[in-house]
């Protein structure tokens, strides 16, 4: 019997990119952005105009994706989903962000007993 397929978004479902941005902008620019102040806004909307371009610069730094925090409970849920579904991880890849950088995140965080808990990584520009 073939399993049904399910797709799971990477950003803010599996990987906590917002938390990393909050830490970076506090440390590098002395700007404190609180999650509860975002209220449905994109992170770049929270930045002063004169530093908005730094967001893409940070994304392209080596190791940016590798050390993102994992959203609480996401690994356990994905593992359970893999037992019932063919699971695909999807992400709206940003310009010039390479697959190896994103894949490094999954290699670092998503192993269970020597195996990755997802079946495929699909990157797409939206």
N, C-alpha and C. Protein backbone atom coordinates (compact mmCIF):
# COMPACT_ATOMS: atom_id res chain seq x y z
N UNK A 1 0.84 -1.19 0.00
CA UNK A 1 0.00 0.00 0.00
C UNK A 1 0.88 1.24 0.00
N UNK A 2 0.58 2.18 -0.90
CA UNK A 2 1.33 3.43 -0.96
C UNK A 2 0.87 4.40 0.11
N UNK A 3 1.82 5.09 0.67
CA UNK A 3 1.50 6.10 1.66
C UNK A 3 1.03 7.37 0.96
N UNK A 4 0.17 8.12 1.62
CA UNK A 4 -0.17 9.44 1.13
C UNK A 4 1.01 10.37 1.43
N UNK A 5 1.08 11.46 0.71
CA UNK A 5 2.16 12.44 0.90
C UNK A 5 1.67 13.64 1.69
N UNK A 6 2.59 14.22 2.43
CA UNK A 6 2.30 15.43 3.17
C UNK A 6 3.53 16.34 3.07
N UNK A 7 3.30 17.64 2.94
CA UNK A 7 4.40 18.61 2.87
C UNK A 7 4.37 19.47 4.13
N UNK A 8 5.56 19.74 4.65
CA UNK A 8 5.69 20.56 5.86
C UNK A 8 6.64 21.71 5.56
N UNK A 9 6.23 22.91 5.90
CA UNK A 9 7.07 24.08 5.70
C UNK A 9 8.23 24.06 6.69
N UNK A 10 9.37 24.55 6.26
CA UNK A 10 10.54 24.59 7.14
C UNK A 10 10.50 25.77 8.10
N UNK A 11 10.28 26.97 7.58
CA UNK A 11 10.41 28.19 8.37
C UNK A 11 9.26 28.37 9.35
N UNK A 12 9.61 28.46 10.62
CA UNK A 12 8.69 28.67 11.73
C UNK A 12 7.76 27.49 11.97
N UNK A 13 8.00 26.38 11.30
CA UNK A 13 7.30 25.14 11.60
C UNK A 13 8.32 24.14 12.14
N UNK A 14 9.47 24.06 11.46
CA UNK A 14 10.55 23.18 11.89
C UNK A 14 11.73 24.00 12.44
N UNK A 15 12.11 25.03 11.69
CA UNK A 15 13.28 25.86 12.05
C UNK A 15 12.82 27.23 12.54
N UNK A 16 13.39 27.65 13.66
CA UNK A 16 13.00 28.93 14.28
C UNK A 16 13.89 30.07 13.76
N UNK A 17 13.59 30.53 12.56
CA UNK A 17 14.37 31.61 11.95
C UNK A 17 14.13 32.94 12.66
N UNK A 18 12.93 33.19 13.11
CA UNK A 18 12.63 34.46 13.77
C UNK A 18 13.46 34.63 15.04
N UNK A 19 13.58 33.59 15.84
CA UNK A 19 14.38 33.66 17.05
C UNK A 19 15.83 34.04 16.72
N UNK A 20 16.37 33.45 15.65
CA UNK A 20 17.75 33.77 15.26
C UNK A 20 17.85 35.24 14.84
N UNK A 21 16.89 35.72 14.07
CA UNK A 21 16.92 37.13 13.67
C UNK A 21 16.82 38.06 14.88
N UNK A 22 15.96 37.73 15.82
CA UNK A 22 15.81 38.55 17.03
C UNK A 22 17.15 38.63 17.77
N UNK A 23 17.82 37.50 17.92
CA UNK A 23 19.12 37.48 18.60
C UNK A 23 20.17 38.27 17.82
N UNK A 24 20.22 38.08 16.50
CA UNK A 24 21.20 38.78 15.67
C UNK A 24 21.04 40.30 15.74
N UNK A 25 19.82 40.76 15.61
CA UNK A 25 19.61 42.21 15.58
C UNK A 25 19.80 42.85 16.95
N UNK A 26 19.57 42.10 17.98
CA UNK A 26 19.86 42.63 19.32
C UNK A 26 21.37 42.74 19.52
N UNK A 27 22.09 41.69 19.13
CA UNK A 27 23.54 41.66 19.31
C UNK A 27 24.27 42.62 18.36
N UNK A 28 23.91 42.62 17.09
CA UNK A 28 24.64 43.38 16.08
C UNK A 28 24.19 44.84 15.91
N UNK A 29 22.94 45.13 16.26
CA UNK A 29 22.40 46.47 16.00
C UNK A 29 21.75 47.10 17.23
N UNK A 30 21.79 46.39 18.34
CA UNK A 30 21.18 46.87 19.58
C UNK A 30 19.70 47.23 19.39
N UNK A 31 19.03 46.43 18.58
CA UNK A 31 17.60 46.61 18.33
C UNK A 31 16.87 45.45 18.97
N UNK A 32 15.93 45.77 19.83
CA UNK A 32 15.17 44.71 20.48
C UNK A 32 13.81 44.58 19.80
N UNK A 33 13.61 43.42 19.20
CA UNK A 33 12.34 43.11 18.55
C UNK A 33 11.72 41.96 19.32
N UNK A 34 10.49 42.15 19.72
CA UNK A 34 9.80 41.11 20.48
C UNK A 34 8.80 40.40 19.57
N UNK A 35 8.74 39.11 19.73
CA UNK A 35 7.84 38.29 18.92
C UNK A 35 6.39 38.76 19.06
N UNK A 36 5.98 39.12 20.26
CA UNK A 36 4.59 39.54 20.46
C UNK A 36 4.27 40.88 19.81
N UNK A 37 5.29 41.61 19.36
CA UNK A 37 5.08 42.88 18.66
C UNK A 37 4.94 42.69 17.16
N UNK A 38 5.29 41.52 16.67
CA UNK A 38 5.26 41.29 15.23
C UNK A 38 3.84 41.19 14.69
N UNK A 39 2.94 40.54 15.42
CA UNK A 39 1.52 40.48 15.08
C UNK A 39 1.26 40.29 13.58
N UNK A 40 1.78 39.18 13.04
CA UNK A 40 1.53 38.85 11.64
C UNK A 40 2.41 39.55 10.63
N UNK A 41 3.35 40.35 11.09
CA UNK A 41 4.24 41.06 10.18
C UNK A 41 5.43 40.18 9.82
N UNK A 42 6.00 40.45 8.66
CA UNK A 42 7.26 39.82 8.28
C UNK A 42 8.37 40.47 9.09
N UNK A 43 9.46 39.74 9.33
CA UNK A 43 10.52 40.28 10.17
C UNK A 43 11.11 41.56 9.59
N UNK A 44 11.29 41.61 8.27
CA UNK A 44 11.88 42.82 7.67
C UNK A 44 11.02 44.06 7.87
N UNK A 45 9.74 43.89 8.10
CA UNK A 45 8.87 45.03 8.37
C UNK A 45 9.15 45.65 9.74
N UNK A 46 9.82 44.92 10.60
CA UNK A 46 10.13 45.39 11.94
C UNK A 46 11.44 46.18 11.98
N UNK A 47 12.21 46.13 10.90
CA UNK A 47 13.53 46.76 10.88
C UNK A 47 13.47 48.20 10.40
N UNK A 48 14.34 49.05 10.97
CA UNK A 48 14.47 50.41 10.43
C UNK A 48 14.94 50.33 8.97
N UNK A 49 14.48 51.23 8.16
CA UNK A 49 14.77 51.23 6.73
C UNK A 49 16.27 51.12 6.43
N UNK A 50 17.08 51.81 7.21
CA UNK A 50 18.52 51.88 6.92
C UNK A 50 19.27 50.56 7.14
N UNK A 51 18.66 49.58 7.78
CA UNK A 51 19.35 48.30 7.97
C UNK A 51 18.59 47.11 7.38
N UNK A 52 17.54 47.36 6.64
CA UNK A 52 16.76 46.24 6.07
C UNK A 52 17.60 45.35 5.17
N UNK A 53 18.58 45.93 4.47
CA UNK A 53 19.41 45.14 3.56
C UNK A 53 20.26 44.11 4.29
N UNK A 54 20.46 44.29 5.58
CA UNK A 54 21.31 43.36 6.34
C UNK A 54 20.65 41.98 6.50
N UNK A 55 19.35 41.91 6.37
CA UNK A 55 18.65 40.64 6.54
C UNK A 55 19.18 39.59 5.57
N UNK A 56 19.29 39.95 4.30
CA UNK A 56 19.81 39.01 3.29
C UNK A 56 21.28 38.70 3.55
N UNK A 57 22.02 39.68 4.03
CA UNK A 57 23.44 39.44 4.33
C UNK A 57 23.59 38.37 5.40
N UNK A 58 22.78 38.44 6.44
CA UNK A 58 22.84 37.44 7.50
C UNK A 58 22.48 36.05 7.00
N UNK A 59 21.47 35.98 6.16
CA UNK A 59 21.02 34.69 5.62
C UNK A 59 22.15 34.00 4.85
N UNK A 60 22.99 34.78 4.21
CA UNK A 60 24.07 34.22 3.39
C UNK A 60 25.35 33.93 4.17
N UNK A 61 25.37 34.23 5.44
CA UNK A 61 26.56 33.93 6.23
C UNK A 61 26.69 32.42 6.42
N UNK A 62 27.92 31.91 6.33
CA UNK A 62 28.12 30.47 6.57
C UNK A 62 27.59 30.08 7.95
N UNK A 63 26.88 28.99 8.01
CA UNK A 63 26.38 28.49 9.27
C UNK A 63 25.05 29.08 9.72
N UNK A 64 24.50 30.04 8.98
CA UNK A 64 23.24 30.66 9.41
C UNK A 64 22.16 29.61 9.62
N UNK A 65 21.99 28.72 8.66
CA UNK A 65 20.92 27.73 8.76
C UNK A 65 21.29 26.58 9.70
N UNK A 66 22.56 26.26 9.76
CA UNK A 66 22.99 25.10 10.54
C UNK A 66 22.61 25.21 12.00
N UNK A 67 22.74 26.38 12.58
CA UNK A 67 22.50 26.47 14.02
C UNK A 67 21.16 27.11 14.39
N UNK A 68 20.21 27.10 13.46
CA UNK A 68 18.87 27.55 13.82
C UNK A 68 18.31 26.62 14.88
N UNK A 69 17.56 27.17 15.80
CA UNK A 69 16.90 26.34 16.81
C UNK A 69 15.75 25.59 16.14
N UNK A 70 15.47 24.44 16.67
CA UNK A 70 14.35 23.63 16.18
C UNK A 70 13.10 24.05 16.95
N UNK A 71 11.99 24.18 16.24
CA UNK A 71 10.74 24.51 16.89
C UNK A 71 10.38 23.38 17.86
N UNK A 72 9.99 23.73 19.07
CA UNK A 72 9.67 22.71 20.08
C UNK A 72 8.63 21.70 19.58
N UNK A 73 8.96 20.43 19.74
CA UNK A 73 8.04 19.35 19.37
C UNK A 73 8.04 18.97 17.91
N UNK A 74 8.69 19.76 17.07
CA UNK A 74 8.60 19.50 15.62
C UNK A 74 9.23 18.17 15.22
N UNK A 75 10.36 17.83 15.79
CA UNK A 75 11.02 16.59 15.41
C UNK A 75 10.18 15.36 15.76
N UNK A 76 9.58 15.40 16.93
CA UNK A 76 8.75 14.27 17.35
C UNK A 76 7.52 14.12 16.46
N UNK A 77 6.92 15.24 16.10
CA UNK A 77 5.74 15.20 15.24
C UNK A 77 6.11 14.70 13.85
N UNK A 78 7.24 15.17 13.32
CA UNK A 78 7.67 14.73 12.00
C UNK A 78 7.96 13.23 12.01
N UNK A 79 8.59 12.76 13.05
CA UNK A 79 8.88 11.33 13.14
C UNK A 79 7.58 10.53 13.10
N UNK A 80 6.58 10.97 13.83
CA UNK A 80 5.29 10.28 13.82
C UNK A 80 4.63 10.35 12.45
N UNK A 81 4.70 11.51 11.82
CA UNK A 81 4.12 11.66 10.49
C UNK A 81 4.79 10.75 9.47
N UNK A 82 6.11 10.57 9.62
CA UNK A 82 6.86 9.70 8.69
C UNK A 82 6.39 8.25 8.76
N UNK A 83 5.84 7.85 9.88
CA UNK A 83 5.35 6.49 10.01
C UNK A 83 4.09 6.26 9.19
N UNK A 84 3.34 7.33 8.96
CA UNK A 84 2.06 7.21 8.24
C UNK A 84 2.11 7.79 6.82
N UNK A 85 2.95 8.81 6.60
CA UNK A 85 2.98 9.53 5.33
C UNK A 85 4.38 9.56 4.73
N UNK A 86 4.46 9.80 3.42
CA UNK A 86 5.70 10.23 2.81
C UNK A 86 5.80 11.72 3.08
N UNK A 87 6.79 12.12 3.85
CA UNK A 87 6.90 13.51 4.31
C UNK A 87 7.90 14.27 3.46
N UNK A 88 7.49 15.44 3.00
CA UNK A 88 8.35 16.32 2.22
C UNK A 88 8.48 17.64 2.96
N UNK A 89 9.70 18.11 3.08
CA UNK A 89 9.97 19.40 3.71
C UNK A 89 10.07 20.42 2.59
N UNK A 90 9.32 21.50 2.72
CA UNK A 90 9.31 22.52 1.67
C UNK A 90 9.74 23.86 2.27
N UNK A 91 10.31 24.69 1.42
CA UNK A 91 10.72 26.02 1.85
C UNK A 91 10.71 26.93 0.65
N UNK A 92 10.28 28.15 0.86
CA UNK A 92 10.39 29.16 -0.19
C UNK A 92 11.84 29.64 -0.13
N UNK A 93 12.68 29.08 -0.98
CA UNK A 93 14.10 29.41 -0.94
C UNK A 93 14.31 30.86 -1.34
N UNK A 94 15.11 31.55 -0.56
CA UNK A 94 15.42 32.93 -0.84
C UNK A 94 16.49 32.99 -1.92
N UNK A 95 16.58 34.13 -2.60
CA UNK A 95 17.55 34.29 -3.67
C UNK A 95 18.95 33.89 -3.20
N UNK A 96 19.63 33.12 -4.04
CA UNK A 96 21.02 32.75 -3.83
C UNK A 96 21.28 31.92 -2.58
N UNK A 97 20.27 31.42 -1.93
CA UNK A 97 20.51 30.54 -0.78
C UNK A 97 20.63 29.13 -1.34
N UNK A 98 21.75 28.52 -1.08
CA UNK A 98 22.01 27.22 -1.69
C UNK A 98 21.36 26.08 -0.91
N UNK A 99 21.05 25.02 -1.64
CA UNK A 99 20.49 23.83 -1.02
C UNK A 99 21.41 23.25 0.06
N UNK A 100 22.74 23.22 -0.16
CA UNK A 100 23.59 22.66 0.90
C UNK A 100 23.48 23.39 2.23
N UNK A 101 23.28 24.70 2.21
CA UNK A 101 23.15 25.45 3.47
C UNK A 101 21.88 25.04 4.21
N UNK A 102 20.79 24.90 3.48
CA UNK A 102 19.55 24.47 4.12
C UNK A 102 19.63 23.01 4.55
N UNK A 103 20.25 22.20 3.71
CA UNK A 103 20.38 20.79 4.05
C UNK A 103 21.23 20.60 5.30
N UNK A 104 22.20 21.50 5.51
CA UNK A 104 23.05 21.42 6.71
C UNK A 104 22.21 21.50 7.98
N UNK A 105 21.16 22.32 7.96
CA UNK A 105 20.26 22.41 9.10
C UNK A 105 19.68 21.03 9.42
N UNK A 106 19.19 20.35 8.40
CA UNK A 106 18.56 19.06 8.61
C UNK A 106 19.57 17.99 9.01
N UNK A 107 20.75 18.05 8.44
CA UNK A 107 21.78 17.09 8.85
C UNK A 107 22.13 17.28 10.32
N UNK A 108 22.16 18.51 10.76
CA UNK A 108 22.54 18.84 12.13
C UNK A 108 21.45 18.49 13.15
N UNK A 109 20.19 18.70 12.78
CA UNK A 109 19.11 18.60 13.75
C UNK A 109 18.17 17.41 13.61
N UNK A 110 18.04 16.84 12.46
CA UNK A 110 16.92 15.92 12.23
C UNK A 110 17.32 14.46 12.08
N UNK A 111 18.29 14.04 12.79
CA UNK A 111 18.66 12.62 12.74
C UNK A 111 18.05 11.88 13.93
N UNK A 112 17.60 10.70 13.67
CA UNK A 112 17.08 9.81 14.71
C UNK A 112 17.72 8.45 14.47
N UNK A 113 18.54 8.02 15.39
CA UNK A 113 19.18 6.72 15.26
C UNK A 113 19.87 6.55 13.91
N UNK A 114 20.57 7.60 13.47
CA UNK A 114 21.34 7.51 12.24
C UNK A 114 20.56 7.72 10.97
N UNK A 115 19.30 8.09 11.06
CA UNK A 115 18.56 8.34 9.82
C UNK A 115 17.85 9.68 9.90
N UNK A 116 17.73 10.32 8.76
CA UNK A 116 17.03 11.60 8.69
C UNK A 116 15.55 11.31 8.74
N UNK A 117 14.79 12.14 9.46
CA UNK A 117 13.37 11.85 9.63
C UNK A 117 12.50 12.39 8.51
N UNK A 118 13.10 12.96 7.48
CA UNK A 118 12.31 13.39 6.33
C UNK A 118 12.79 12.65 5.11
N UNK A 119 11.94 12.58 4.11
CA UNK A 119 12.27 11.82 2.90
C UNK A 119 12.84 12.68 1.80
N UNK A 120 12.51 13.96 1.74
CA UNK A 120 12.98 14.81 0.66
C UNK A 120 12.93 16.26 1.06
N UNK A 121 13.79 17.05 0.50
CA UNK A 121 13.80 18.49 0.73
C UNK A 121 13.48 19.15 -0.60
N UNK A 122 12.38 19.87 -0.65
CA UNK A 122 11.97 20.55 -1.86
C UNK A 122 12.08 22.04 -1.60
N UNK A 123 12.86 22.72 -2.40
CA UNK A 123 13.01 24.16 -2.26
C UNK A 123 12.34 24.81 -3.46
N UNK A 124 11.60 25.85 -3.20
CA UNK A 124 10.87 26.49 -4.28
C UNK A 124 10.83 27.98 -4.05
N UNK A 125 10.95 28.75 -5.11
CA UNK A 125 10.81 30.20 -5.00
C UNK A 125 9.35 30.56 -5.23
N UNK A 126 8.80 31.32 -4.32
CA UNK A 126 7.41 31.72 -4.46
C UNK A 126 7.33 33.18 -4.85
